[in-house]
C-alpha atoms as a PDB file:
ATOM      1  CA  MET A   1       0.000   0.000   0.000  1.00  0.00           C
ATOM      2  CA  ASN A   2       1.346   3.335  -1.048  1.00  0.00           C
ATOM      3  CA  GLU A   3      -0.236   5.120   1.886  1.00  0.00           C
ATOM      4  CA  ALA A   4       2.095   3.429   4.378  1.00  0.00           C
ATOM      5  CA  GLN A   5       5.054   4.674   2.355  1.00  0.00           C
ATOM      6  CA  ILE A   6       3.562   8.174   2.122  1.00  0.00           C
ATOM      7  CA  LEU A   7       3.077   8.265   5.900  1.00  0.00           C
ATOM      8  CA  LEU A   8       6.600   7.007   6.611  1.00  0.00           C
ATOM      9  CA  GLU A   9       8.127   9.541   4.221  1.00  0.00           C
ATOM     10  CA  LYS A  10       6.175  12.343   5.931  1.00  0.00           C
ATOM     11  CA  VAL A  11       7.472  11.240   9.340  1.00  0.00           C
ATOM     12  CA  GLN A  12      11.018  11.012   8.014  1.00  0.00           C
ATOM     13  CA  ARG A  13      11.189  14.362   6.246  1.00  0.00           C
ATOM     14  CA  ASP A  14       9.027  16.482   8.579  1.00  0.00           C
ATOM     15  CA  THR A  15      10.384  16.437  12.127  1.00  0.00           C
ATOM     16  CA  ASN A  16       7.615  18.758  13.361  1.00  0.00           C
ATOM     17  CA  PHE A  17       5.012  16.305  12.076  1.00  0.00           C
ATOM     18  CA  ALA A  18       6.861  13.394  13.705  1.00  0.00           C
ATOM     19  CA  HIS A  19       6.995  15.180  17.064  1.00  0.00           C
ATOM     20  CA  GLU A  20       3.334  16.174  16.844  1.00  0.00           C
ATOM     21  CA  LEU A  21       2.369  12.577  16.015  1.00  0.00           C
ATOM     22  CA  LYS A  22       4.354  11.310  19.009  1.00  0.00           C
ATOM     23  CA  ASP A  23       2.884  13.958  21.298  1.00  0.00           C
ATOM     24  CA  ALA A  24      -0.697  13.185  20.261  1.00  0.00           C
ATOM     25  CA  ALA A  25      -0.140   9.457  20.795  1.00  0.00           C
ATOM     26  CA  GLN A  26       1.447   9.949  24.202  1.00  0.00           C
ATOM     27  CA  LYS A  27      -1.455  12.205  25.236  1.00  0.00           C
ATOM     28  CA  ASN A  28      -3.974   9.610  24.013  1.00  0.00           C
ATOM     29  CA  ASP A  29      -5.472  12.276  21.720  1.00  0.00           C
ATOM     30  CA  HIS A  30      -7.216  10.059  19.152  1.00  0.00           C
ATOM     31  CA  SER A  31      -8.901  12.864  17.209  1.00  0.00           C
ATOM     32  CA  HIS A  32      -5.689  14.853  16.729  1.00  0.00           C
ATOM     33  CA  LEU A  33      -3.808  11.685  15.853  1.00  0.00           C
ATOM     34  CA  GLU A  34      -6.386  10.807  13.194  1.00  0.00           C
ATOM     35  CA  MET A  35      -6.241  14.344  11.796  1.00  0.00           C
ATOM     36  CA  LEU A  36      -2.440  14.150  11.550  1.00  0.00           C
ATOM     37  CA  ILE A  37      -2.479  10.774   9.811  1.00  0.00           C
ATOM     38  CA  ARG A  38      -5.132  11.989   7.363  1.00  0.00           C
ATOM     39  CA  SER A  39      -3.134  15.172   6.712  1.00  0.00           C
ATOM     40  CA  ALA A  40      -0.181  13.025   5.627  1.00  0.00           C
ATOM     41  CA  GLY A  41      -2.296  11.642   2.786  1.00  0.00           C
ATOM     42  CA  VAL A  42      -3.821   8.512   4.294  1.00  0.00           C
ATOM     43  CA  THR A  43      -7.343   8.013   2.938  1.00  0.00           C
ATOM     44  CA  SER A  44      -7.872   4.322   3.672  1.00  0.00           C
ATOM     45  CA  SER A  45      -9.291   2.897   6.883  1.00  0.00           C
ATOM     46  CA  PHE A  46      -6.868   2.580   9.778  1.00  0.00           C
ATOM     47  CA  HIS A  47      -6.680   1.712  13.442  1.00  0.00           C
ATOM     48  CA  THR A  48      -4.106   3.030  15.903  1.00  0.00           C
ATOM     49  CA  ALA A  49      -2.731   1.607  19.120  1.00  0.00           C
ATOM     50  CA  PHE A  50      -0.011   3.156  21.199  1.00  0.00           C
ATOM     51  CA  THR A  51       2.144   2.824  24.265  1.00  0.00           C
ATOM     52  CA  PRO A  52       4.498   5.371  25.816  1.00  0.00           C
ATOM     53  CA  ASP A  53       7.239   3.890  23.597  1.00  0.00           C
ATOM     54  CA  ALA A  54       5.569   3.400  20.203  1.00  0.00           C
ATOM     55  CA  ILE A  55       2.576   3.796  17.930  1.00  0.00           C
ATOM     56  CA  ARG A  56       1.126   1.089  15.701  1.00  0.00           C
ATOM     57  CA  ILE A  57      -0.982   2.037  12.709  1.00  0.00           C
ATOM     58  CA  ASP A  58      -2.895  -0.719  10.923  1.00  0.00           C
ATOM     59  CA  LEU A  59      -3.869   0.446   7.429  1.00  0.00           C
ATOM     60  CA  THR A  60      -6.609  -1.498   5.657  1.00  0.00           C
ATOM     61  CA  ALA A  61      -7.617  -1.163   2.022  1.00  0.00           C
ATOM     62  CA  GLY A  62      -9.599  -3.146  -0.443  1.00  0.00           C
ATOM     63  CA  ASN A  63     -12.990  -4.695  -0.872  1.00  0.00           C
ATOM     64  CA  GLU A  64     -14.436  -8.170  -0.409  1.00  0.00           C
ATOM     65  CA  ASP A  65     -12.503  -9.569  -3.379  1.00  0.00           C
ATOM     66  CA  ASN A  66      -9.151  -7.929  -2.732  1.00  0.00           C
ATOM     67  CA  CYS A  67      -8.174  -6.746   0.715  1.00  0.00           C
ATOM     68  CA  SER A  68      -4.808  -5.928   2.161  1.00  0.00           C
ATOM     69  CA  GLU A  69      -3.469  -4.718   5.472  1.00  0.00           C
ATOM     70  CA  VAL A  70      -0.192  -3.059   6.344  1.00  0.00           C
ATOM     71  CA  THR A  71       1.007  -2.423   9.887  1.00  0.00           C
ATOM     72  CA  VAL A  72       3.379   0.443  10.587  1.00  0.00           C
ATOM     73  CA  LYS A  73       5.099   0.600  13.961  1.00  0.00           C
ATOM     74  CA  LEU A  74       7.002   3.732  14.935  1.00  0.00           C
ATOM     75  CA  CYS A  75       9.116   3.613  18.069  1.00  0.00           C
ATOM     76  CA  TRP A  76      10.546   6.567  19.931  1.00  0.00           C
END
């Protein structure tokens, strides 16, 4: 899925975005976290889970005939 790559590239090249993503996750701010992920270009369905040390983003795309899922884990 291209969206996982788009998100990872955004985190890598935009340190402010990366810090804001980390801060939102650590504050358990789901709405801000979703807004940030969407602002990076993610349009597919996703689920987030986080700990004080990392965030996991499960991206899901497809339909009944062709579905795929990619998990991105970012540690800090």
